[in-house]
């Protein structure tokens, strides 16, 4: 996949928001179900093994949907999505972290999240 402009990445993020919101919800359900399935785990109203398997399958589908756009899903918890881009001739990743209201961060490709900076 190619590089995103900042405008394209913001547009793609807006389109992906319902998918990302569903990932967060299904991730929470999967975690609760997994805990309930462990020895001594508390029962849950969400169900059991079949529901956990369904949640895991749905997470896989949602994550694939994100990655098919050219965005990179870097982390599931917290949810972290990077959009490959070029900023002033330098390869960067436009960086969205769960809880961010919009796409306002980037980091150099070689630095990773530790080098995250606010877009000007």
C-alpha atoms as a PDB file:
ATOM      1  CA  UNK A   1       0.000   0.000   0.000  1.00  0.00           C
ATOM      2  CA  UNK A   2       1.054   3.578  -0.546  1.00  0.00           C
ATOM      3  CA  UNK A   3       1.594   6.495   1.724  1.00  0.00           C
ATOM      4  CA  UNK A   4      -1.194   8.580   3.209  1.00  0.00           C
ATOM      5  CA  UNK A   5      -1.321  12.346   3.138  1.00  0.00           C
ATOM      6  CA  UNK A   6      -2.402  13.852   6.439  1.00  0.00           C
ATOM      7  CA  UNK A   7      -5.832  14.640   4.954  1.00  0.00           C
ATOM      8  CA  UNK A   8      -6.215  11.083   3.617  1.00  0.00           C
ATOM      9  CA  UNK A   9      -5.188   9.565   6.949  1.00  0.00           C
ATOM     10  CA  UNK A  10      -7.669  11.733   8.827  1.00  0.00           C
ATOM     11  CA  UNK A  11     -10.404  10.783   6.367  1.00  0.00           C
ATOM     12  CA  UNK A  12      -9.557   7.089   6.679  1.00  0.00           C
ATOM     13  CA  UNK A  13      -9.512   7.343  10.474  1.00  0.00           C
ATOM     14  CA  UNK A  14     -12.979   8.925  10.415  1.00  0.00           C
ATOM     15  CA  UNK A  15     -14.215   6.084   8.198  1.00  0.00           C
ATOM     16  CA  UNK A  16     -12.597   3.508  10.507  1.00  0.00           C
ATOM     17  CA  UNK A  17     -13.928   4.939  13.781  1.00  0.00           C
ATOM     18  CA  UNK A  18     -16.961   2.603  13.938  1.00  0.00           C
ATOM     19  CA  UNK A  19     -14.637  -0.364  13.304  1.00  0.00           C
ATOM     20  CA  UNK A  20     -12.200   0.819  15.971  1.00  0.00           C
ATOM     21  CA  UNK A  21     -15.036   1.374  18.444  1.00  0.00           C
ATOM     22  CA  UNK A  22     -16.250  -2.166  17.791  1.00  0.00           C
ATOM     23  CA  UNK A  23     -12.731  -3.524  18.320  1.00  0.00           C
ATOM     24  CA  UNK A  24     -12.656  -1.880  21.761  1.00  0.00           C
ATOM     25  CA  UNK A  25     -16.066  -3.345  22.688  1.00  0.00           C
ATOM     26  CA  UNK A  26     -15.322  -6.848  21.382  1.00  0.00           C
ATOM     27  CA  UNK A  27     -11.870  -6.782  22.995  1.00  0.00           C
ATOM     28  CA  UNK A  28     -13.506  -6.130  26.386  1.00  0.00           C
ATOM     29  CA  UNK A  29     -16.003  -8.958  25.850  1.00  0.00           C
ATOM     30  CA  UNK A  30     -13.218 -11.357  24.814  1.00  0.00           C
ATOM     31  CA  UNK A  31     -11.172 -10.458  27.891  1.00  0.00           C
ATOM     32  CA  UNK A  32     -14.161 -11.016  30.201  1.00  0.00           C
ATOM     33  CA  UNK A  33     -15.016 -14.314  28.536  1.00  0.00           C
ATOM     34  CA  UNK A  34     -11.403 -15.503  28.679  1.00  0.00           C
ATOM     35  CA  UNK A  35     -11.220 -14.694  32.391  1.00  0.00           C
ATOM     36  CA  UNK A  36     -14.452 -16.602  32.997  1.00  0.00           C
ATOM     37  CA  UNK A  37     -13.039 -19.647  31.217  1.00  0.00           C
ATOM     38  CA  UNK A  38      -9.955 -19.886  33.412  1.00  0.00           C
ATOM     39  CA  UNK A  39      -9.987 -22.163  36.425  1.00  0.00           C
ATOM     40  CA  UNK A  40     -11.642 -20.267  39.222  1.00  0.00           C
ATOM     41  CA  UNK A  41     -12.805 -17.527  36.864  1.00  0.00           C
ATOM     42  CA  UNK A  42     -16.050 -15.785  37.732  1.00  0.00           C
ATOM     43  CA  UNK A  43     -19.034 -16.654  35.546  1.00  0.00           C
ATOM     44  CA  UNK A  44     -20.104 -14.011  33.071  1.00  0.00           C
ATOM     45  CA  UNK A  45     -23.433 -13.098  31.524  1.00  0.00           C
ATOM     46  CA  UNK A  46     -21.692 -13.037  28.130  1.00  0.00           C
ATOM     47  CA  UNK A  47     -21.541 -16.805  27.805  1.00  0.00           C
ATOM     48  CA  UNK A  48     -18.766 -19.343  27.590  1.00  0.00           C
ATOM     49  CA  UNK A  49     -16.372 -20.973  25.168  1.00  0.00           C
ATOM     50  CA  UNK A  50     -18.507 -20.569  22.010  1.00  0.00           C
ATOM     51  CA  UNK A  51     -18.974 -16.854  22.692  1.00  0.00           C
ATOM     52  CA  UNK A  52     -15.255 -16.419  23.386  1.00  0.00           C
ATOM     53  CA  UNK A  53     -14.387 -18.131  20.096  1.00  0.00           C
ATOM     54  CA  UNK A  54     -16.893 -15.910  18.293  1.00  0.00           C
ATOM     55  CA  UNK A  55     -15.415 -12.788  19.886  1.00  0.00           C
ATOM     56  CA  UNK A  56     -11.899 -13.819  18.874  1.00  0.00           C
ATOM     57  CA  UNK A  57     -13.072 -14.499  15.304  1.00  0.00           C
ATOM     58  CA  UNK A  58     -14.784 -11.108  15.162  1.00  0.00           C
ATOM     59  CA  UNK A  59     -11.633  -9.383  16.423  1.00  0.00           C
ATOM     60  CA  UNK A  60      -9.656 -11.057  13.640  1.00  0.00           C
ATOM     61  CA  UNK A  61     -12.172  -9.807  11.050  1.00  0.00           C
ATOM     62  CA  UNK A  62     -12.100  -6.258  12.407  1.00  0.00           C
ATOM     63  CA  UNK A  63      -8.314  -6.134  12.593  1.00  0.00           C
ATOM     64  CA  UNK A  64      -8.078  -7.369   8.996  1.00  0.00           C
ATOM     65  CA  UNK A  65     -10.502  -4.647   7.936  1.00  0.00           C
ATOM     66  CA  UNK A  66      -8.228  -1.994   9.452  1.00  0.00           C
ATOM     67  CA  UNK A  67      -5.109  -3.405   7.837  1.00  0.00           C
ATOM     68  CA  UNK A  68      -6.729  -3.700   4.403  1.00  0.00           C
ATOM     69  CA  UNK A  69      -6.844   0.110   4.277  1.00  0.00           C
ATOM     70  CA  UNK A  70      -3.046   0.358   4.395  1.00  0.00           C
ATOM     71  CA  UNK A  71      -3.103   1.467   8.027  1.00  0.00           C
ATOM     72  CA  UNK A  72      -0.964  -0.520  10.447  1.00  0.00           C
ATOM     73  CA  UNK A  73      -2.596  -1.920  13.567  1.00  0.00           C
ATOM     74  CA  UNK A  74       0.285  -1.810  16.032  1.00  0.00           C
ATOM     75  CA  UNK A  75      -1.413  -2.682  19.301  1.00  0.00           C
ATOM     76  CA  UNK A  76      -4.747  -4.056  20.421  1.00  0.00           C
ATOM     77  CA  UNK A  77      -4.659  -2.892  24.039  1.00  0.00           C
ATOM     78  CA  UNK A  78      -4.438   0.003  23.985  1.00  0.00           C
ATOM     79  CA  UNK A  79      -5.564   0.270  20.383  1.00  0.00           C
ATOM     80  CA  UNK A  80      -2.821   1.894  18.300  1.00  0.00           C
ATOM     81  CA  UNK A  81      -3.090   2.583  14.563  1.00  0.00           C
ATOM     82  CA  UNK A  82      -0.352   4.063  12.376  1.00  0.00           C
ATOM     83  CA  UNK A  83      -0.725   5.517   8.894  1.00  0.00           C
ATOM     84  CA  UNK A  84       2.474   5.450   6.797  1.00  0.00           C
ATOM     85  CA  UNK A  85       3.189   8.927   5.448  1.00  0.00           C
ATOM     86  CA  UNK A  86       5.875  11.328   4.327  1.00  0.00           C
ATOM     87  CA  UNK A  87       6.359  14.508   6.324  1.00  0.00           C
ATOM     88  CA  UNK A  88       8.730  17.052   4.827  1.00  0.00           C
ATOM     89  CA  UNK A  89      10.560  14.311   2.922  1.00  0.00           C
ATOM     90  CA  UNK A  90      10.951  12.048   5.950  1.00  0.00           C
ATOM     91  CA  UNK A  91       9.156   8.710   6.333  1.00  0.00           C
ATOM     92  CA  UNK A  92       6.848   8.894   9.337  1.00  0.00           C
ATOM     93  CA  UNK A  93       3.863   7.153  10.825  1.00  0.00           C
ATOM     94  CA  UNK A  94       0.831   9.290  11.599  1.00  0.00           C
ATOM     95  CA  UNK A  95      -0.160   7.871  14.941  1.00  0.00           C
ATOM     96  CA  UNK A  96      -3.614   7.435  16.504  1.00  0.00           C
ATOM     97  CA  UNK A  97      -3.922   6.003  20.008  1.00  0.00           C
ATOM     98  CA  UNK A  98      -7.161   4.862  21.620  1.00  0.00           C
ATOM     99  CA  UNK A  99      -8.597   7.861  23.415  1.00  0.00           C
ATOM    100  CA  UNK A 100      -7.229  10.420  20.939  1.00  0.00           C
ATOM    101  CA  UNK A 101     -10.051  12.592  19.608  1.00  0.00           C
ATOM    102  CA  UNK A 102      -8.372  12.894  16.224  1.00  0.00           C
ATOM    103  CA  UNK A 103      -5.135  12.231  14.366  1.00  0.00           C
ATOM    104  CA  UNK A 104      -2.701  14.778  15.809  1.00  0.00           C
ATOM    105  CA  UNK A 105       0.508  12.795  16.415  1.00  0.00           C
ATOM    106  CA  UNK A 106       3.312  11.280  14.366  1.00  0.00           C
ATOM    107  CA  UNK A 107       6.643   9.577  14.893  1.00  0.00           C
ATOM    108  CA  UNK A 108       9.577   8.762  12.684  1.00  0.00           C
ATOM    109  CA  UNK A 109       9.413   5.231  11.354  1.00  0.00           C
ATOM    110  CA  UNK A 110      12.753   4.353  12.939  1.00  0.00           C
ATOM    111  CA  UNK A 111      11.883   5.710  16.402  1.00  0.00           C
ATOM    112  CA  UNK A 112       8.551   4.114  17.116  1.00  0.00           C
ATOM    113  CA  UNK A 113       6.060   5.259  19.719  1.00  0.00           C
ATOM    114  CA  UNK A 114       8.774   6.625  22.026  1.00  0.00           C
ATOM    115  CA  UNK A 115       9.503   9.302  19.417  1.00  0.00           C
ATOM    116  CA  UNK A 116       5.869  10.412  19.163  1.00  0.00           C
ATOM    117  CA  UNK A 117       5.430  14.135  18.490  1.00  0.00           C
ATOM    118  CA  UNK A 118       2.415  16.408  18.024  1.00  0.00           C
ATOM    119  CA  UNK A 119       1.667  17.472  14.462  1.00  0.00           C
ATOM    120  CA  UNK A 120       1.997  21.218  13.923  1.00  0.00           C
END
